[in-house]
Amino acid sequence: MRKFLFPTLLSASLMLGLAGTSGARAASDVVTPAKFLSNGQAMIPQNYRSWIFVGAPLTPNALNGGKAPFPEYHNVYMEPSAFKYWKKNGKFAEGTQIVKELVLIRQKPSAEMNKDGSTGEVSGVGYFPGEFQGLELAYKSKKRFPKEPGGWVYFSFGHKTPPYAKTAKAFPTESCNACHQGSAATDYVFTQFYPVLRAAKPKK
C-alpha cells in the first residue's frame, strides 16, 4: 500500500492546485455592481474619486457659440474591478460602473478672463478646473436592463455643486443611448476620449 501513497497525494495536490487556479481566474473576473433600492433607483457610488481616472474631455461654451451641450470638464472614473476586467479582456463586463463628475472651468474676475473663457496662469494661458458641478453614472447590466441598448443605463445625481443626491432614477433611453450608440467608439463608451482605457486594452 505504501508505494501507492505518494502518487495518490500527488494527484490530490494537483487537483487542489488546478482548482485554486480556476478559482483565481474566476475571482479576477468578478466585477462589483452598482447598488439599487427596491424602487429601482441607483445609489450614489461610494469613494468614486479613488476609482481609476480614465480621462477628462472638455467642450467649453466659448468654443461652441456660447451654448455647449456639456460645457464642463468631464472627470471620468471607472470602478477598479471593472477596469481590471477591461485590462484582461478588452471589453466592458456585466456590472461595469463608469462615473462622470462635472467640473466647471475655473473663473476669475472678468478683467482677467479672455473672450474665449481662458485665463492666464503660471503654466500659461488655457482652461483650468474649477468647482464640482454634478455627478452621473453609466452602468452596464444586460441582466437588470435587458431592454436597454447594450444593457447600458445612465443616472444623474444632480447637475449642481455637492452634496449630490443619494439616489437617482435612470434617464429615458432616448436621452442618452442614441448619442452613445452613434458616436461612442467602443460598446457605448467614448473610449476615443479616454487614453487610459486605450492604453490598458490588451493587444491582440
Protein backbone atom coordinates (compact mmCIF):
# COMPACT_ATOMS: atom_id res chain seq x y z
CA MET A 1 0.00 0.00 0.00
CA ARG A 2 2.89 2.34 0.77
CA LYS A 3 4.05 2.51 -2.85
CA PHE A 4 0.67 3.97 -3.92
CA LEU A 5 0.57 6.66 -1.25
CA PHE A 6 2.83 9.21 -2.97
CA PRO A 7 1.03 9.15 -6.34
CA THR A 8 -2.29 9.48 -4.56
CA LEU A 9 -1.13 12.51 -2.60
CA LEU A 10 0.44 13.99 -5.73
CA SER A 11 -2.80 13.61 -7.66
CA ALA A 12 -4.74 15.23 -4.86
CA SER A 13 -2.27 18.12 -4.75
CA LEU A 14 -2.53 18.65 -8.50
CA MET A 15 -6.30 18.67 -8.31
CA LEU A 16 -6.25 21.24 -5.50
CA GLY A 17 -3.76 23.33 -7.45
CA LEU A 18 -5.90 23.29 -10.56
CA ALA A 19 -8.97 24.15 -8.53
CA GLY A 20 -7.11 27.04 -6.94
CA THR A 21 -6.02 28.33 -10.34
CA SER A 22 -9.55 28.09 -11.65
CA GLY A 23 -10.84 29.94 -8.60
CA ALA A 24 -8.24 32.66 -9.03
CA ARG A 25 -9.21 33.11 -12.65
CA ALA A 26 -12.87 33.31 -11.74
CA ALA A 27 -12.15 35.81 -8.97
CA SER A 28 -10.27 38.08 -11.41
CA ASP A 29 -13.43 38.37 -13.49
CA VAL A 30 -15.70 39.31 -10.60
CA VAL A 31 -16.97 42.87 -11.07
CA THR A 32 -18.52 44.98 -8.30
CA PRO A 33 -22.02 46.01 -9.46
CA ALA A 34 -23.92 49.20 -8.68
CA LYS A 35 -26.31 49.22 -5.73
CA PHE A 36 -30.04 49.81 -6.11
CA LEU A 37 -33.01 50.50 -3.88
CA SER A 38 -36.15 48.38 -4.08
CA ASN A 39 -37.81 51.14 -6.17
CA GLY A 40 -35.17 50.71 -8.88
CA GLN A 41 -33.22 53.88 -8.16
CA ALA A 42 -29.42 53.65 -8.20
CA MET A 43 -27.48 54.59 -5.08
CA ILE A 44 -24.66 57.09 -5.43
CA PRO A 45 -21.33 55.23 -5.79
CA GLN A 46 -19.05 55.43 -2.77
CA ASN A 47 -15.43 56.62 -2.94
CA TYR A 48 -15.64 57.06 -6.71
CA ARG A 49 -12.81 59.62 -6.74
CA SER A 50 -10.47 56.80 -5.70
CA TRP A 51 -11.50 54.75 -8.77
CA ILE A 52 -9.38 54.58 -11.93
CA PHE A 53 -9.26 58.00 -13.61
CA VAL A 54 -9.52 57.46 -17.38
CA GLY A 55 -9.91 60.93 -18.92
CA ALA A 56 -11.30 64.48 -18.77
CA PRO A 57 -12.77 65.83 -22.03
CA LEU A 58 -13.78 69.48 -22.21
CA THR A 59 -16.03 71.39 -24.64
CA PRO A 60 -16.32 74.94 -23.23
CA ASN A 61 -19.11 77.36 -24.08
CA ALA A 62 -16.68 79.88 -25.53
CA LEU A 63 -15.62 77.46 -28.27
CA ASN A 64 -19.19 76.38 -29.06
CA GLY A 65 -21.08 79.57 -29.75
CA GLY A 66 -21.74 80.13 -26.06
CA LYS A 67 -24.07 77.13 -25.84
CA ALA A 68 -22.07 73.92 -25.48
CA PRO A 69 -24.26 70.93 -24.51
CA PHE A 70 -21.62 69.91 -21.96
CA PRO A 71 -19.51 72.97 -21.06
CA GLU A 72 -17.80 71.44 -18.03
CA TYR A 73 -14.78 69.18 -17.66
CA HIS A 74 -15.88 65.56 -17.50
CA ASN A 75 -13.71 63.82 -14.93
CA VAL A 76 -14.34 60.17 -15.77
CA TYR A 77 -13.62 57.30 -13.36
CA MET A 78 -14.04 53.54 -13.76
CA GLU A 79 -14.73 51.16 -10.89
CA PRO A 80 -11.47 49.23 -10.21
CA SER A 81 -12.77 45.67 -10.66
CA ALA A 82 -14.40 46.65 -13.96
CA PHE A 83 -11.13 48.26 -15.06
CA LYS A 84 -9.28 45.06 -14.16
CA TYR A 85 -11.71 43.09 -16.33
CA TRP A 86 -11.20 45.56 -19.19
CA LYS A 87 -7.40 45.18 -18.94
CA LYS A 88 -7.71 41.39 -19.10
CA ASN A 89 -10.46 41.01 -21.71
CA GLY A 90 -10.60 44.25 -23.68
CA LYS A 91 -14.35 44.65 -23.17
CA PHE A 92 -16.78 46.03 -20.62
CA ALA A 93 -18.07 43.46 -18.18
CA GLU A 94 -21.58 42.93 -16.90
CA GLY A 95 -21.79 45.27 -13.91
CA THR A 96 -19.34 47.90 -15.21
CA GLN A 97 -19.68 51.28 -13.48
CA ILE A 98 -18.30 54.47 -15.04
CA VAL A 99 -18.73 57.76 -13.18
CA LYS A 100 -18.57 61.20 -14.74
CA GLU A 101 -18.10 64.15 -12.39
CA LEU A 102 -18.67 67.55 -13.95
CA VAL A 103 -16.22 70.34 -13.11
CA LEU A 104 -16.64 73.99 -14.07
CA ILE A 105 -13.89 75.94 -15.80
CA ARG A 106 -12.00 78.00 -13.25
CA GLN A 107 -13.40 81.50 -13.03
CA LYS A 108 -11.51 84.70 -12.28
CA PRO A 109 -12.57 88.37 -12.18
CA SER A 110 -13.93 89.38 -15.59
CA ALA A 111 -10.99 91.70 -16.20
CA GLU A 112 -8.68 88.65 -16.02
CA MET A 113 -10.80 86.44 -18.27
CA ASN A 114 -10.14 86.23 -22.02
CA LYS A 115 -13.01 86.39 -24.51
CA ASP A 116 -12.73 82.65 -25.17
CA GLY A 117 -13.13 81.90 -21.46
CA SER A 118 -9.47 81.06 -20.93
CA THR A 119 -7.30 82.50 -18.18
CA GLY A 120 -3.60 83.09 -17.69
CA GLU A 121 -1.94 81.01 -15.01
CA VAL A 122 1.66 80.27 -14.03
CA SER A 123 1.78 77.43 -16.60
CA GLY A 124 0.40 79.60 -19.40
CA VAL A 125 -2.94 80.61 -20.94
CA GLY A 126 -5.60 77.93 -21.04
CA TYR A 127 -8.56 76.30 -19.34
CA PHE A 128 -8.26 75.11 -15.76
CA PRO A 129 -10.58 73.08 -13.49
CA GLY A 130 -12.73 75.00 -11.04
CA GLU A 131 -15.53 73.70 -8.83
CA PHE A 132 -17.54 70.46 -8.92
CA GLN A 133 -20.86 70.81 -10.72
CA GLY A 134 -22.57 67.42 -11.00
CA LEU A 135 -22.29 63.66 -10.97
CA GLU A 136 -23.51 60.99 -13.40
CA LEU A 137 -23.22 57.20 -13.62
CA ALA A 138 -23.16 54.91 -16.66
CA TYR A 139 -23.94 51.32 -15.75
CA LYS A 140 -23.94 48.17 -17.86
CA SER A 141 -26.24 45.29 -16.93
CA LYS A 142 -27.98 43.27 -19.59
CA LYS A 143 -29.44 41.16 -16.79
CA ARG A 144 -31.02 44.08 -14.93
CA PHE A 145 -31.82 46.20 -18.01
CA PRO A 146 -32.40 43.70 -20.85
CA LYS A 147 -34.38 46.18 -22.97
CA GLU A 148 -31.75 48.93 -22.92
CA PRO A 149 -29.33 49.10 -25.88
CA GLY A 150 -26.20 47.23 -24.91
CA GLY A 151 -27.56 46.93 -21.39
CA TRP A 152 -26.33 50.46 -20.62
CA VAL A 153 -28.30 52.89 -18.44
CA TYR A 154 -27.46 56.40 -17.25
CA PHE A 155 -28.18 58.21 -13.98
CA SER A 156 -27.69 61.77 -12.72
CA PHE A 157 -27.21 62.58 -9.04
CA GLY A 158 -27.56 66.29 -9.71
CA HIS A 159 -26.22 68.96 -12.03
CA LYS A 160 -25.11 71.26 -9.23
CA THR A 161 -22.46 71.72 -6.58
CA PRO A 162 -22.17 68.97 -3.93
CA PRO A 163 -23.70 67.48 -1.90
CA TYR A 164 -25.27 65.38 -4.64
CA ALA A 165 -28.46 63.36 -4.34
CA LYS A 166 -28.05 59.98 -2.67
CA THR A 167 -30.12 58.15 -5.27
CA ALA A 168 -31.16 58.64 -8.90
CA LYS A 169 -33.56 57.12 -11.39
CA ALA A 170 -32.44 56.10 -14.87
CA PHE A 171 -32.69 58.51 -17.77
CA PRO A 172 -35.15 57.54 -20.53
CA THR A 173 -33.46 55.52 -23.27
CA GLU A 174 -33.74 58.31 -25.84
CA SER A 175 -31.97 60.82 -23.57
CA CYS A 176 -28.52 59.19 -23.69
CA ASN A 177 -28.33 55.89 -25.55
CA ALA A 178 -28.80 57.29 -29.06
CA CYS A 179 -25.79 59.62 -28.74
CA HIS A 180 -23.63 56.90 -27.21
CA GLN A 181 -24.71 54.36 -29.81
CA GLY A 182 -24.00 56.69 -32.71
CA SER A 183 -20.75 58.29 -31.56
CA ALA A 184 -19.01 56.21 -28.87
CA ALA A 185 -16.04 54.19 -30.12
CA THR A 186 -16.46 51.05 -28.00
CA ASP A 187 -19.68 49.47 -26.71
CA TYR A 188 -21.48 52.76 -26.00
CA VAL A 189 -18.38 54.19 -24.23
CA PHE A 190 -16.39 57.16 -25.59
CA THR A 191 -13.06 55.38 -25.39
CA GLN A 192 -11.69 57.76 -28.06
CA PHE A 193 -11.56 60.36 -25.27
CA TYR A 194 -10.12 58.09 -22.56
CA PRO A 195 -6.41 57.43 -23.16
CA VAL A 196 -6.08 55.32 -20.00
CA LEU A 197 -8.60 52.81 -21.34
CA ARG A 198 -6.96 52.71 -24.75
CA ALA A 199 -3.55 52.11 -23.21
CA ALA A 200 -4.87 49.39 -20.88
CA LYS A 201 -6.74 47.43 -23.56
CA PRO A 202 -4.89 44.17 -24.29
CA LYS A 203 -3.25 43.96 -27.69
CA LYS A 204 -4.45 41.18 -29.97
